[in-house]
Amino acid sequence: MDAQCDWGEAIAIIGSVRQTVQFFVMRLCYSRRTFVMTFPSQNQESFLFAHVQAFNFFGGVPARISYDNLATAVKLAMRGKKGEKGEEKGRKRTENKTFVAFRSHYLFESHFCTPGAGW
């Protein structure tokens, strides 16, 4: 079971007040089953909490989750070295230590997409 995960932004009316909210989305790739949860900000505490809630909702943990180089998971994304024919050999990423500990606890693999690639 693989999943895709990202943050988004929306306008919500809460208690008759129009406000901007941040939403966490995790979607299972095969079934397209989707979990969405809103937060006041895109911080790491919300990011990890939303993962746990998504795992509970799905009844398990995906084997691999794809991300779009989220700051809450990745500290740095640098261009990789050029190959013999000038093609780029991927990107080097340093995952946030807290995120590494979190995914090590839940035993899932992280996959990071190329920024701007339209995943």
PDB file of N, CA and C in Angstrom:
ATOM      1  N   MET A   1       0.849  -1.171   0.000  1.00  0.00           N
ATOM      2  CA  MET A   1       0.000   0.000   0.000  1.00  0.00           C
ATOM      3  C   MET A   1       0.899   1.240   0.000  1.00  0.00           C
ATOM      4  N   ASP A   2       0.784   2.058  -1.029  1.00  0.00           N
ATOM      5  CA  ASP A   2       1.504   3.321  -1.138  1.00  0.00           C
ATOM      6  C   ASP A   2       0.522   4.477  -0.981  1.00  0.00           C
ATOM      7  N   ALA A   3       1.050   5.645  -0.572  1.00  0.00           N
ATOM      8  CA  ALA A   3       0.208   6.829  -0.396  1.00  0.00           C
ATOM      9  C   ALA A   3       0.952   8.065  -0.873  1.00  0.00           C
ATOM     10  N   GLN A   4       0.201   9.119  -1.107  1.00  0.00           N
ATOM     11  CA  GLN A   4       0.753  10.427  -1.427  1.00  0.00           C
ATOM     12  C   GLN A   4       0.271  11.393  -0.356  1.00  0.00           C
ATOM     13  N   CYS A   5       1.119  12.359  -0.020  1.00  0.00           N
ATOM     14  CA  CYS A   5       0.799  13.263   1.080  1.00  0.00           C
ATOM     15  C   CYS A   5       1.232  14.682   0.718  1.00  0.00           C
ATOM     16  N   ASP A   6       0.418  15.668   1.113  1.00  0.00           N
ATOM     17  CA  ASP A   6       0.780  17.061   0.850  1.00  0.00           C
ATOM     18  C   ASP A   6      -0.043  17.987   1.742  1.00  0.00           C
ATOM     19  N   TRP A   7       0.349  19.256   1.759  1.00  0.00           N
ATOM     20  CA  TRP A   7      -0.386  20.320   2.418  1.00  0.00           C
ATOM     21  C   TRP A   7      -1.103  21.145   1.351  1.00  0.00           C
ATOM     22  N   GLY A   8      -2.199  21.779   1.746  1.00  0.00           N
ATOM     23  CA  GLY A   8      -2.902  22.712   0.880  1.00  0.00           C
ATOM     24  C   GLY A   8      -3.471  23.827   1.733  1.00  0.00           C
ATOM     25  N   GLU A   9      -4.121  24.767   1.076  1.00  0.00           N
ATOM     26  CA  GLU A   9      -4.696  25.902   1.783  1.00  0.00           C
ATOM     27  C   GLU A   9      -6.111  26.124   1.266  1.00  0.00           C
ATOM     28  N   ALA A  10      -7.023  26.483   2.167  1.00  0.00           N
ATOM     29  CA  ALA A  10      -8.419  26.715   1.788  1.00  0.00           C
ATOM     30  C   ALA A  10      -9.013  27.801   2.684  1.00  0.00           C
ATOM     31  N   ILE A  11     -10.145  28.308   2.251  1.00  0.00           N
ATOM     32  CA  ILE A  11     -10.915  29.255   3.053  1.00  0.00           C
ATOM     33  C   ILE A  11     -12.045  28.468   3.710  1.00  0.00           C
ATOM     34  N   ALA A  12     -12.200  28.639   5.023  1.00  0.00           N
ATOM     35  CA  ALA A  12     -13.274  27.962   5.764  1.00  0.00           C
ATOM     36  C   ALA A  12     -14.033  29.004   6.575  1.00  0.00           C
ATOM     37  N   ILE A  13     -15.293  28.714   6.819  1.00  0.00           N
ATOM     38  CA  ILE A  13     -16.087  29.573   7.687  1.00  0.00           C
ATOM     39  C   ILE A  13     -16.282  28.809   8.993  1.00  0.00           C
ATOM     40  N   ILE A  14     -15.651  29.332  10.043  1.00  0.00           N
ATOM     41  CA  ILE A  14     -15.681  28.691  11.358  1.00  0.00           C
ATOM     42  C   ILE A  14     -16.296  29.676  12.339  1.00  0.00           C
ATOM     43  N   GLY A  15     -17.436  29.306  12.907  1.00  0.00           N
ATOM     44  CA  GLY A  15     -18.130  30.211  13.829  1.00  0.00           C
ATOM     45  C   GLY A  15     -18.495  31.523  13.168  1.00  0.00           C
ATOM     46  N   SER A  16     -18.951  31.468  11.941  1.00  0.00           N
ATOM     47  CA  SER A  16     -19.352  32.639  11.137  1.00  0.00           C
ATOM     48  C   SER A  16     -18.178  33.537  10.739  1.00  0.00           C
ATOM     49  N   VAL A  17     -16.957  33.066  10.966  1.00  0.00           N
ATOM     50  CA  VAL A  17     -15.770  33.848  10.609  1.00  0.00           C
ATOM     51  C   VAL A  17     -15.064  33.177   9.435  1.00  0.00           C
ATOM     52  N   ARG A  18     -14.860  33.926   8.375  1.00  0.00           N
ATOM     53  CA  ARG A  18     -14.140  33.434   7.196  1.00  0.00           C
ATOM     54  C   ARG A  18     -12.646  33.500   7.487  1.00  0.00           C
ATOM     55  N   GLN A  19     -11.957  32.352   7.351  1.00  0.00           N
ATOM     56  CA  GLN A  19     -10.521  32.328   7.649  1.00  0.00           C
ATOM     57  C   GLN A  19      -9.793  31.310   6.777  1.00  0.00           C
ATOM     58  N   THR A  20      -8.505  31.506   6.661  1.00  0.00           N
ATOM     59  CA  THR A  20      -7.660  30.597   5.898  1.00  0.00           C
ATOM     60  C   THR A  20      -7.228  29.449   6.797  1.00  0.00           C
ATOM     61  N   VAL A  21      -7.364  28.229   6.295  1.00  0.00           N
ATOM     62  CA  VAL A  21      -6.909  27.052   7.031  1.00  0.00           C
ATOM     63  C   VAL A  21      -5.926  26.276   6.155  1.00  0.00           C
ATOM     64  N   GLN A  22      -5.066  25.526   6.817  1.00  0.00           N
ATOM     65  CA  GLN A  22      -4.111  24.656   6.139  1.00  0.00           C
ATOM     66  C   GLN A  22      -4.670  23.246   6.210  1.00  0.00           C
ATOM     67  N   PHE A  23      -4.683  22.530   5.089  1.00  0.00           N
ATOM     68  CA  PHE A  23      -5.191  21.169   5.161  1.00  0.00           C
ATOM     69  C   PHE A  23      -4.134  20.152   4.758  1.00  0.00           C
ATOM     70  N   PHE A  24      -4.124  19.091   5.504  1.00  0.00           N
ATOM     71  CA  PHE A  24      -3.243  17.943   5.291  1.00  0.00           C
ATOM     72  C   PHE A  24      -4.063  16.920   4.500  1.00  0.00           C
ATOM     73  N   VAL A  25      -3.459  16.373   3.455  1.00  0.00           N
ATOM     74  CA  VAL A  25      -4.136  15.357   2.640  1.00  0.00           C
ATOM     75  C   VAL A  25      -3.220  14.151   2.485  1.00  0.00           C
ATOM     76  N   MET A  26      -3.773  12.966   2.745  1.00  0.00           N
ATOM     77  CA  MET A  26      -3.064  11.728   2.437  1.00  0.00           C
ATOM     78  C   MET A  26      -4.035  10.868   1.625  1.00  0.00           C
ATOM     79  N   ARG A  27      -3.554  10.378   0.484  1.00  0.00           N
ATOM     80  CA  ARG A  27      -4.387   9.577  -0.406  1.00  0.00           C
ATOM     81  C   ARG A  27      -3.688   8.260  -0.702  1.00  0.00           C
ATOM     82  N   LEU A  28      -4.425   7.169  -0.550  1.00  0.00           N
ATOM     83  CA  LEU A  28      -3.879   5.860  -0.903  1.00  0.00           C
ATOM     84  C   LEU A  28      -3.862   5.742  -2.421  1.00  0.00           C
ATOM     85  N   CYS A  29      -2.751   5.296  -2.980  1.00  0.00           N
ATOM     86  CA  CYS A  29      -2.573   5.290  -4.431  1.00  0.00           C
ATOM     87  C   CYS A  29      -3.490   4.304  -5.149  1.00  0.00           C
ATOM     88  N   TYR A  30      -3.681   3.125  -4.623  1.00  0.00           N
ATOM     89  CA  TYR A  30      -4.469   2.118  -5.328  1.00  0.00           C
ATOM     90  C   TYR A  30      -5.970   2.371  -5.216  1.00  0.00           C
ATOM     91  N   SER A  31      -6.468   2.551  -4.001  1.00  0.00           N
ATOM     92  CA  SER A  31      -7.913   2.713  -3.779  1.00  0.00           C
ATOM     93  C   SER A  31      -8.387   4.150  -3.942  1.00  0.00           C
ATOM     94  N   ARG A  32      -7.462   5.112  -3.896  1.00  0.00           N
ATOM     95  CA  ARG A  32      -7.754   6.549  -3.937  1.00  0.00           C
ATOM     96  C   ARG A  32      -8.504   7.011  -2.686  1.00  0.00           C
ATOM     97  N   ARG A  33      -8.566   6.158  -1.664  1.00  0.00           N
ATOM     98  CA  ARG A  33      -9.182   6.539  -0.392  1.00  0.00           C
ATOM     99  C   ARG A  33      -8.400   7.724   0.166  1.00  0.00           C
ATOM    100  N   THR A  34      -9.109   8.731   0.662  1.00  0.00           N
ATOM    101  CA  THR A  34      -8.483  10.000   1.023  1.00  0.00           C
ATOM    102  C   THR A  34      -8.811  10.413   2.448  1.00  0.00           C
ATOM    103  N   PHE A  35      -7.786  10.922   3.131  1.00  0.00           N
ATOM    104  CA  PHE A  35      -7.933  11.485   4.476  1.00  0.00           C
ATOM    105  C   PHE A  35      -7.550  12.964   4.402  1.00  0.00           C
ATOM    106  N   VAL A  36      -8.397  13.832   4.959  1.00  0.00           N
ATOM    107  CA  VAL A  36      -8.122  15.275   4.980  1.00  0.00           C
ATOM    108  C   VAL A  36      -8.375  15.788   6.391  1.00  0.00           C
ATOM    109  N   MET A  37      -7.489  16.659   6.866  1.00  0.00           N
ATOM    110  CA  MET A  37      -7.639  17.254   8.193  1.00  0.00           C
ATOM    111  C   MET A  37      -7.109  18.684   8.126  1.00  0.00           C
ATOM    112  N   THR A  38      -7.788  19.625   8.771  1.00  0.00           N
ATOM    113  CA  THR A  38      -7.344  21.021   8.722  1.00  0.00           C
ATOM    114  C   THR A  38      -6.654  21.444  10.015  1.00  0.00           C
ATOM    115  N   PHE A  39      -5.785  22.448   9.852  1.00  0.00           N
ATOM    116  CA  PHE A  39      -4.997  23.004  10.956  1.00  0.00           C
ATOM    117  C   PHE A  39      -4.839  24.507  10.746  1.00  0.00           C
ATOM    118  N   PRO A  40      -4.507  25.241  11.814  1.00  0.00           N
ATOM    119  CA  PRO A  40      -4.263  26.680  11.643  1.00  0.00           C
ATOM    120  C   PRO A  40      -2.935  26.982  10.938  1.00  0.00           C
ATOM    121  N   SER A  41      -1.965  26.044  11.011  1.00  0.00           N
ATOM    122  CA  SER A  41      -0.667  26.275  10.365  1.00  0.00           C
ATOM    123  C   SER A  41      -0.059  24.946   9.927  1.00  0.00           C
ATOM    124  N   GLN A  42       0.927  25.050   9.058  1.00  0.00           N
ATOM    125  CA  GLN A  42       1.628  23.869   8.548  1.00  0.00           C
ATOM    126  C   GLN A  42       2.898  23.643   9.366  1.00  0.00           C
ATOM    127  N   ASN A  43       2.741  23.234  10.608  1.00  0.00           N
ATOM    128  CA  ASN A  43       3.927  22.984  11.429  1.00  0.00           C
ATOM    129  C   ASN A  43       4.153  21.479  11.576  1.00  0.00           C
ATOM    130  N   GLN A  44       5.302  21.124  12.103  1.00  0.00           N
ATOM    131  CA  GLN A  44       5.663  19.714  12.187  1.00  0.00           C
ATOM    132  C   GLN A  44       4.763  18.938  13.147  1.00  0.00           C
ATOM    133  N   GLU A  45       4.362  19.539  14.239  1.00  0.00           N
ATOM    134  CA  GLU A  45       3.470  18.863  15.181  1.00  0.00           C
ATOM    135  C   GLU A  45       2.157  18.478  14.496  1.00  0.00           C
ATOM    136  N   SER A  46       1.596  19.402  13.731  1.00  0.00           N
ATOM    137  CA  SER A  46       0.361  19.120  12.992  1.00  0.00           C
ATOM    138  C   SER A  46       0.597  18.043  11.939  1.00  0.00           C
ATOM    139  N   PHE A  47       1.720  18.113  11.260  1.00  0.00           N
ATOM    140  CA  PHE A  47       2.087  17.161  10.209  1.00  0.00           C
ATOM    141  C   PHE A  47       2.148  15.732  10.755  1.00  0.00           C
ATOM    142  N   LEU A  48       2.830  15.553  11.871  1.00  0.00           N
ATOM    143  CA  LEU A  48       2.967  14.217  12.455  1.00  0.00           C
ATOM    144  C   LEU A  48       1.643  13.737  13.051  1.00  0.00           C
ATOM    145  N   PHE A  49       0.912  14.624  13.720  1.00  0.00           N
ATOM    146  CA  PHE A  49      -0.388  14.274  14.283  1.00  0.00           C
ATOM    147  C   PHE A  49      -1.348  13.826  13.178  1.00  0.00           C
ATOM    148  N   ALA A  50      -1.344  14.538  12.057  1.00  0.00           N
ATOM    149  CA  ALA A  50      -2.219  14.191  10.941  1.00  0.00           C
ATOM    150  C   ALA A  50      -1.861  12.819  10.362  1.00  0.00           C
ATOM    151  N   HIS A  51      -0.584  12.498  10.304  1.00  0.00           N
ATOM    152  CA  HIS A  51      -0.171  11.159   9.858  1.00  0.00           C
ATOM    153  C   HIS A  51      -0.805  10.075  10.738  1.00  0.00           C
ATOM    154  N   VAL A  52      -0.689  10.250  12.048  1.00  0.00           N
ATOM    155  CA  VAL A  52      -1.232   9.254  12.979  1.00  0.00           C
ATOM    156  C   VAL A  52      -2.741   9.114  12.787  1.00  0.00           C
ATOM    157  N   GLN A  53      -3.425  10.252  12.622  1.00  0.00           N
ATOM    158  CA  GLN A  53      -4.870  10.209  12.408  1.00  0.00           C
ATOM    159  C   GLN A  53      -5.208   9.520  11.076  1.00  0.00           C
ATOM    160  N   ALA A  54      -4.397   9.760  10.047  1.00  0.00           N
ATOM    161  CA  ALA A  54      -4.613   9.100   8.750  1.00  0.00           C
ATOM    162  C   ALA A  54      -4.389   7.596   8.877  1.00  0.00           C
ATOM    163  N   PHE A  55      -3.348   7.185   9.587  1.00  0.00           N
ATOM    164  CA  PHE A  55      -3.086   5.753   9.773  1.00  0.00           C
ATOM    165  C   PHE A  55      -4.266   5.088  10.489  1.00  0.00           C
ATOM    166  N   ASN A  56      -4.810   5.767  11.495  1.00  0.00           N
ATOM    167  CA  ASN A  56      -5.983   5.248  12.196  1.00  0.00           C
ATOM    168  C   ASN A  56      -7.182   5.155  11.254  1.00  0.00           C
ATOM    169  N   PHE A  57      -7.379   6.168  10.444  1.00  0.00           N
ATOM    170  CA  PHE A  57      -8.489   6.207   9.494  1.00  0.00           C
ATOM    171  C   PHE A  57      -8.383   5.070   8.475  1.00  0.00           C
ATOM    172  N   PHE A  58      -7.167   4.844   7.966  1.00  0.00           N
ATOM    173  CA  PHE A  58      -6.961   3.793   6.959  1.00  0.00           C
ATOM    174  C   PHE A  58      -6.883   2.396   7.575  1.00  0.00           C
ATOM    175  N   GLY A  59      -6.664   2.328   8.873  1.00  0.00           N
ATOM    176  CA  GLY A  59      -6.534   1.027   9.526  1.00  0.00           C
ATOM    177  C   GLY A  59      -5.178   0.389   9.309  1.00  0.00           C
ATOM    178  N   GLY A  60      -4.163   1.198   9.032  1.00  0.00           N
ATOM    179  CA  GLY A  60      -2.808   0.697   8.829  1.00  0.00           C
ATOM    180  C   GLY A  60      -1.900   1.789   8.302  1.00  0.00           C
ATOM    181  N   VAL A  61      -0.641   1.438   8.142  1.00  0.00           N
ATOM    182  CA  VAL A  61       0.391   2.377   7.695  1.00  0.00           C
ATOM    183  C   VAL A  61       0.832   1.987   6.289  1.00  0.00           C
ATOM    184  N   PRO A  62       0.805   2.930   5.339  1.00  0.00           N
ATOM    185  CA  PRO A  62       1.303   2.615   3.999  1.00  0.00           C
ATOM    186  C   PRO A  62       2.778   2.217   4.045  1.00  0.00           C
ATOM    187  N   ALA A  63       3.193   1.350   3.136  1.00  0.00           N
ATOM    188  CA  ALA A  63       4.596   0.930   3.078  1.00  0.00           C
ATOM    189  C   ALA A  63       5.493   2.075   2.623  1.00  0.00           C
ATOM    190  N   ARG A  64       4.955   2.931   1.738  1.00  0.00           N
ATOM    191  CA  ARG A  64       5.725   4.050   1.211  1.00  0.00           C
ATOM    192  C   ARG A  64       4.803   5.240   1.038  1.00  0.00           C
ATOM    193  N   ILE A  65       5.297   6.419   1.444  1.00  0.00           N
ATOM    194  CA  ILE A  65       4.532   7.653   1.283  1.00  0.00           C
ATOM    195  C   ILE A  65       5.366   8.623   0.462  1.00  0.00           C
ATOM    196  N   SER A  66       4.755   9.169  -0.592  1.00  0.00           N
ATOM    197  CA  SER A  66       5.423  10.146  -1.452  1.00  0.00           C
ATOM    198  C   SER A  66       5.078  11.558  -0.996  1.00  0.00           C
ATOM    199  N   TYR A  67       6.101  12.408  -0.969  1.00  0.00           N
ATOM    200  CA  TYR A  67       5.967  13.796  -0.538  1.00  0.00           C
ATOM    201  C   TYR A  67       6.511  14.713  -1.621  1.00  0.00           C
ATOM    202  N   ASP A  68       6.103  15.971  -1.545  1.00  0.00           N
ATOM    203  CA  ASP A  68       6.543  16.982  -2.503  1.00  0.00           C
ATOM    204  C   ASP A  68       7.559  17.919  -1.853  1.00  0.00           C
ATOM    205  N   ASN A  69       8.586  17.339  -1.209  1.00  0.00           N
ATOM    206  CA  ASN A  69       9.654  18.104  -0.561  1.00  0.00           C
ATOM    207  C   ASN A  69       9.136  19.091   0.479  1.00  0.00           C
ATOM    208  N   LEU A  70       8.253  18.626   1.339  1.00  0.00           N
ATOM    209  CA  LEU A  70       7.672  19.453   2.389  1.00  0.00           C
ATOM    210  C   LEU A  70       8.728  19.856   3.411  1.00  0.00           C
ATOM    211  N   ALA A  71       8.697  21.102   3.828  1.00  0.00           N
ATOM    212  CA  ALA A  71       9.660  21.585   4.826  1.00  0.00           C
ATOM    213  C   ALA A  71       9.502  20.858   6.160  1.00  0.00           C
ATOM    214  N   THR A  72       8.318  20.328   6.448  1.00  0.00           N
ATOM    215  CA  THR A  72       8.100  19.615   7.703  1.00  0.00           C
ATOM    216  C   THR A  72       8.750  18.230   7.692  1.00  0.00           C
ATOM    217  N   ALA A  73       9.218  17.775   6.520  1.00  0.00           N
ATOM    218  CA  ALA A  73       9.871  16.472   6.410  1.00  0.00           C
ATOM    219  C   ALA A  73      11.314  16.578   5.925  1.00  0.00           C
ATOM    220  N   VAL A  74      11.596  17.550   5.064  1.00  0.00           N
ATOM    221  CA  VAL A  74      12.915  17.660   4.441  1.00  0.00           C
ATOM    222  C   VAL A  74      13.546  19.005   4.771  1.00  0.00           C
ATOM    223  N   LYS A  75      14.781  18.952   5.231  1.00  0.00           N
ATOM    224  CA  LYS A  75      15.512  20.178   5.544  1.00  0.00           C
ATOM    225  C   LYS A  75      16.079  20.830   4.283  1.00  0.00           C
ATOM    226  N   LEU A  76      16.508  20.018   3.340  1.00  0.00           N
ATOM    227  CA  LEU A  76      17.314  20.524   2.251  1.00  0.00           C
ATOM    228  C   LEU A  76      17.133  19.658   1.016  1.00  0.00           C
ATOM    229  N   ALA A  77      17.006  20.270  -0.131  1.00  0.00           N
ATOM    230  CA  ALA A  77      16.961  19.524  -1.393  1.00  0.00           C
ATOM    231  C   ALA A  77      17.928  20.210  -2.351  1.00  0.00           C
ATOM    232  N   MET A  78      19.043  19.556  -2.633  1.00  0.00           N
ATOM    233  CA  MET A  78      20.064  20.110  -3.517  1.00  0.00           C
ATOM    234  C   MET A  78      20.091  19.303  -4.805  1.00  0.00           C
ATOM    235  N   ARG A  79      20.510  19.945  -5.870  1.00  0.00           N
ATOM    236  CA  ARG A  79      20.638  19.247  -7.146  1.00  0.00           C
ATOM    237  C   ARG A  79      21.704  18.160  -7.033  1.00  0.00           C
ATOM    238  N   GLY A  80      21.421  17.032  -7.674  1.00  0.00           N
ATOM    239  CA  GLY A  80      22.383  15.936  -7.688  1.00  0.00           C
ATOM    240  C   GLY A  80      23.488  16.196  -8.695  1.00  0.00           C
ATOM    241  N   LYS A  81      24.443  15.296  -8.758  1.00  0.00           N
ATOM    242  CA  LYS A  81      25.554  15.422  -9.696  1.00  0.00           C
ATOM    243  C   LYS A  81      25.098  15.068 -11.094  1.00  0.00           C
ATOM    244  N   LYS A  82      25.763  15.650 -12.096  1.00  0.00           N
ATOM    245  CA  LYS A  82      25.462  15.363 -13.496  1.00  0.00           C
ATOM    246  C   LYS A  82      26.114  14.052 -13.896  1.00  0.00           C
ATOM    247  N   GLY A  83      25.384  13.279 -14.686  1.00  0.00           N
ATOM    248  CA  GLY A  83      25.913  12.025 -15.205  1.00  0.00           C
ATOM    249  C   GLY A  83      26.815  12.281 -16.408  1.00  0.00           C
ATOM    250  N   GLU A  84      27.305  11.205 -17.030  1.00  0.00           N
ATOM    251  CA  GLU A  84      28.201  11.323 -18.176  1.00  0.00           C
ATOM    252  C   GLU A  84      27.567  12.074 -19.342  1.00  0.00           C
ATOM    253  N   LYS A  85      26.253  11.922 -19.519  1.00  0.00           N
ATOM    254  CA  LYS A  85      25.564  12.561 -20.640  1.00  0.00           C
ATOM    255  C   LYS A  85      24.898  13.876 -20.230  1.00  0.00           C
ATOM    256  N   GLY A  86      25.241  14.380 -19.061  1.00  0.00           N
ATOM    257  CA  GLY A  86      24.719  15.662 -18.602  1.00  0.00           C
ATOM    258  C   GLY A  86      23.390  15.586 -17.872  1.00  0.00           C
ATOM    259  N   GLU A  87      22.825  14.377 -17.731  1.00  0.00           N
ATOM    260  CA  GLU A  87      21.546  14.260 -17.029  1.00  0.00           C
ATOM    261  C   GLU A  87      21.764  14.355 -15.524  1.00  0.00           C
ATOM    262  N   GLU A  88      20.763  14.868 -14.848  1.00  0.00           N
ATOM    263  CA  GLU A  88      20.847  15.011 -13.396  1.00  0.00           C
ATOM    264  C   GLU A  88      20.581  13.667 -12.736  1.00  0.00           C
ATOM    265  N   LYS A  89      21.393  13.315 -11.766  1.00  0.00           N
ATOM    266  CA  LYS A  89      21.283  12.044 -11.042  1.00  0.00           C
ATOM    267  C   LYS A  89      20.531  12.226  -9.734  1.00  0.00           C
ATOM    268  N   GLY A  90      19.276  12.706  -9.783  1.00  0.00           N
ATOM    269  CA  GLY A  90      18.465  12.835  -8.581  1.00  0.00           C
ATOM    270  C   GLY A  90      18.833  14.037  -7.733  1.00  0.00           C
ATOM    271  N   ARG A  91      18.192  14.147  -6.591  1.00  0.00           N
ATOM    272  CA  ARG A  91      18.446  15.239  -5.658  1.00  0.00           C
ATOM    273  C   ARG A  91      18.849  14.668  -4.316  1.00  0.00           C
ATOM    274  N   LYS A  92      19.768  15.338  -3.668  1.00  0.00           N
ATOM    275  CA  LYS A  92      20.208  14.956  -2.329  1.00  0.00           C
ATOM    276  C   LYS A  92      19.286  15.645  -1.333  1.00  0.00           C
ATOM    277  N   ARG A  93      18.761  14.901  -0.385  1.00  0.00           N
ATOM    278  CA  ARG A  93      17.865  15.459   0.617  1.00  0.00           C
ATOM    279  C   ARG A  93      18.347  15.095   2.011  1.00  0.00           C
ATOM    280  N   THR A  94      18.161  16.007   2.932  1.00  0.00           N
ATOM    281  CA  THR A  94      18.410  15.730   4.330  1.00  0.00           C
ATOM    282  C   THR A  94      17.054  15.773   5.013  1.00  0.00           C
ATOM    283  N   GLU A  95      16.587  14.614   5.458  1.00  0.00           N
ATOM    284  CA  GLU A  95      15.300  14.570   6.127  1.00  0.00           C
ATOM    285  C   GLU A  95      15.433  15.122   7.544  1.00  0.00           C
ATOM    286  N   ASN A  96      14.403  15.781   7.995  1.00  0.00           N
ATOM    287  CA  ASN A  96      14.339  16.299   9.346  1.00  0.00           C
ATOM    288  C   ASN A  96      14.484  15.131  10.325  1.00  0.00           C
ATOM    289  N   LYS A  97      15.320  15.277  11.359  1.00  0.00           N
ATOM    290  CA  LYS A  97      15.586  14.180  12.309  1.00  0.00           C
ATOM    291  C   LYS A  97      14.322  13.685  13.006  1.00  0.00           C
ATOM    292  N   THR A  98      13.443  14.597  13.353  1.00  0.00           N
ATOM    293  CA  THR A  98      12.194  14.197  14.004  1.00  0.00           C
ATOM    294  C   THR A  98      11.347  13.357  13.060  1.00  0.00           C
ATOM    295  N   PHE A  99      11.320  13.748  11.780  1.00  0.00           N
ATOM    296  CA  PHE A  99      10.561  12.993  10.789  1.00  0.00           C
ATOM    297  C   PHE A  99      11.166  11.606  10.587  1.00  0.00           C
ATOM    298  N   VAL A 100      12.489  11.512  10.549  1.00  0.00           N
ATOM    299  CA  VAL A 100      13.159  10.210  10.406  1.00  0.00           C
ATOM    300  C   VAL A 100      12.790   9.303  11.586  1.00  0.00           C
ATOM    301  N   ALA A 101      12.818   9.844  12.795  1.00  0.00           N
ATOM    302  CA  ALA A 101      12.448   9.056  13.976  1.00  0.00           C
ATOM    303  C   ALA A 101      10.990   8.615  13.894  1.00  0.00           C
ATOM    304  N   PHE A 102      10.125   9.508  13.433  1.00  0.00           N
ATOM    305  CA  PHE A 102       8.705   9.206  13.305  1.00  0.00           C
ATOM    306  C   PHE A 102       8.469   8.072  12.307  1.00  0.00           C
ATOM    307  N   ARG A 103       9.046   8.189  11.114  1.00  0.00           N
ATOM    308  CA  ARG A 103       8.803   7.147  10.106  1.00  0.00           C
ATOM    309  C   ARG A 103       9.519   5.839  10.459  1.00  0.00           C
ATOM    310  N   SER A 104      10.595   5.916  11.226  1.00  0.00           N
ATOM    311  CA  SER A 104      11.262   4.706  11.703  1.00  0.00           C
ATOM    312  C   SER A 104      10.381   3.981  12.722  1.00  0.00           C
ATOM    313  N   HIS A 105       9.665   4.738  13.525  1.00  0.00           N
ATOM    314  CA  HIS A 105       8.736   4.150  14.498  1.00  0.00           C
ATOM    315  C   HIS A 105       7.568   3.459  13.783  1.00  0.00           C
ATOM    316  N   TYR A 106       7.022   4.120  12.757  1.00  0.00           N
ATOM    317  CA  TYR A 106       5.864   3.576  12.040  1.00  0.00           C
ATOM    318  C   TYR A 106       6.257   2.669  10.869  1.00  0.00           C
ATOM    319  N   LEU A 107       7.558   2.551  10.609  1.00  0.00           N
ATOM    320  CA  LEU A 107       8.099   1.626   9.600  1.00  0.00           C
ATOM    321  C   LEU A 107       7.561   1.845   8.195  1.00  0.00           C
ATOM    322  N   PHE A 108       7.614   3.096   7.721  1.00  0.00           N
ATOM    323  CA  PHE A 108       7.280   3.357   6.327  1.00  0.00           C
ATOM    324  C   PHE A 108       8.448   4.052   5.639  1.00  0.00           C
ATOM    325  N   GLU A 109       8.511   3.878   4.343  1.00  0.00           N
ATOM    326  CA  GLU A 109       9.562   4.481   3.525  1.00  0.00           C
ATOM    327  C   GLU A 109       9.052   5.811   2.991  1.00  0.00           C
ATOM    328  N   SER A 110       9.928   6.806   2.934  1.00  0.00           N
ATOM    329  CA  SER A 110       9.550   8.096   2.355  1.00  0.00           C
ATOM    330  C   SER A 110      10.126   8.204   0.945  1.00  0.00           C
ATOM    331  N   HIS A 111       9.366   8.862   0.075  1.00  0.00           N
ATOM    332  CA  HIS A 111       9.785   9.102  -1.305  1.00  0.00           C
ATOM    333  C   HIS A 111       9.508  10.570  -1.599  1.00  0.00           C
ATOM    334  N   PHE A 112      10.486  11.281  -2.153  1.00  0.00           N
ATOM    335  CA  PHE A 112      10.324  12.703  -2.412  1.00  0.00           C
ATOM    336  C   PHE A 112      10.321  12.972  -3.904  1.00  0.00           C
ATOM    337  N   CYS A 113       9.281  13.659  -4.358  1.00  0.00           N
ATOM    338  CA  CYS A 113       9.113  13.974  -5.769  1.00  0.00           C
ATOM    339  C   CYS A 113       9.998  15.142  -6.164  1.00  0.00           C
ATOM    340  N   THR A 114      10.201  15.309  -7.454  1.00  0.00           N
ATOM    341  CA  THR A 114      10.956  16.439  -7.975  1.00  0.00           C
ATOM    342  C   THR A 114      10.072  17.675  -7.906  1.00  0.00           C
ATOM    343  N   PRO A 115      10.539  18.765  -7.277  1.00  0.00           N
ATOM    344  CA  PRO A 115       9.727  19.974  -7.168  1.00  0.00           C
ATOM    345  C   PRO A 115       9.294  20.474  -8.549  1.00  0.00           C
ATOM    346  N   GLY A 116       8.024  20.872  -8.653  1.00  0.00           N
ATOM    347  CA  GLY A 116       7.511  21.423  -9.895  1.00  0.00           C
ATOM    348  C   GLY A 116       7.261  20.404 -10.989  1.00  0.00           C
ATOM    349  N   ALA A 117       7.345  19.104 -10.668  1.00  0.00           N
ATOM    350  CA  ALA A 117       7.177  18.077 -11.690  1.00  0.00           C
ATOM    351  C   ALA A 117       5.722  17.710 -11.944  1.00  0.00           C
ATOM    352  N   GLY A 118       4.801  18.268 -11.179  1.00  0.00           N
ATOM    353  CA  GLY A 118       3.382  18.021 -11.414  1.00  0.00           C
ATOM    354  C   GLY A 118       2.886  16.679 -10.915  1.00  0.00           C
ATOM    355  N   TRP A 119       3.425  16.176  -9.832  1.00  0.00           N
ATOM    356  CA  TRP A 119       2.944  14.917  -9.279  1.00  0.00           C
ATOM    357  C   TRP A 119       1.577  15.133  -8.698  1.00  0.00           C
TER     358      TRP A 119
END
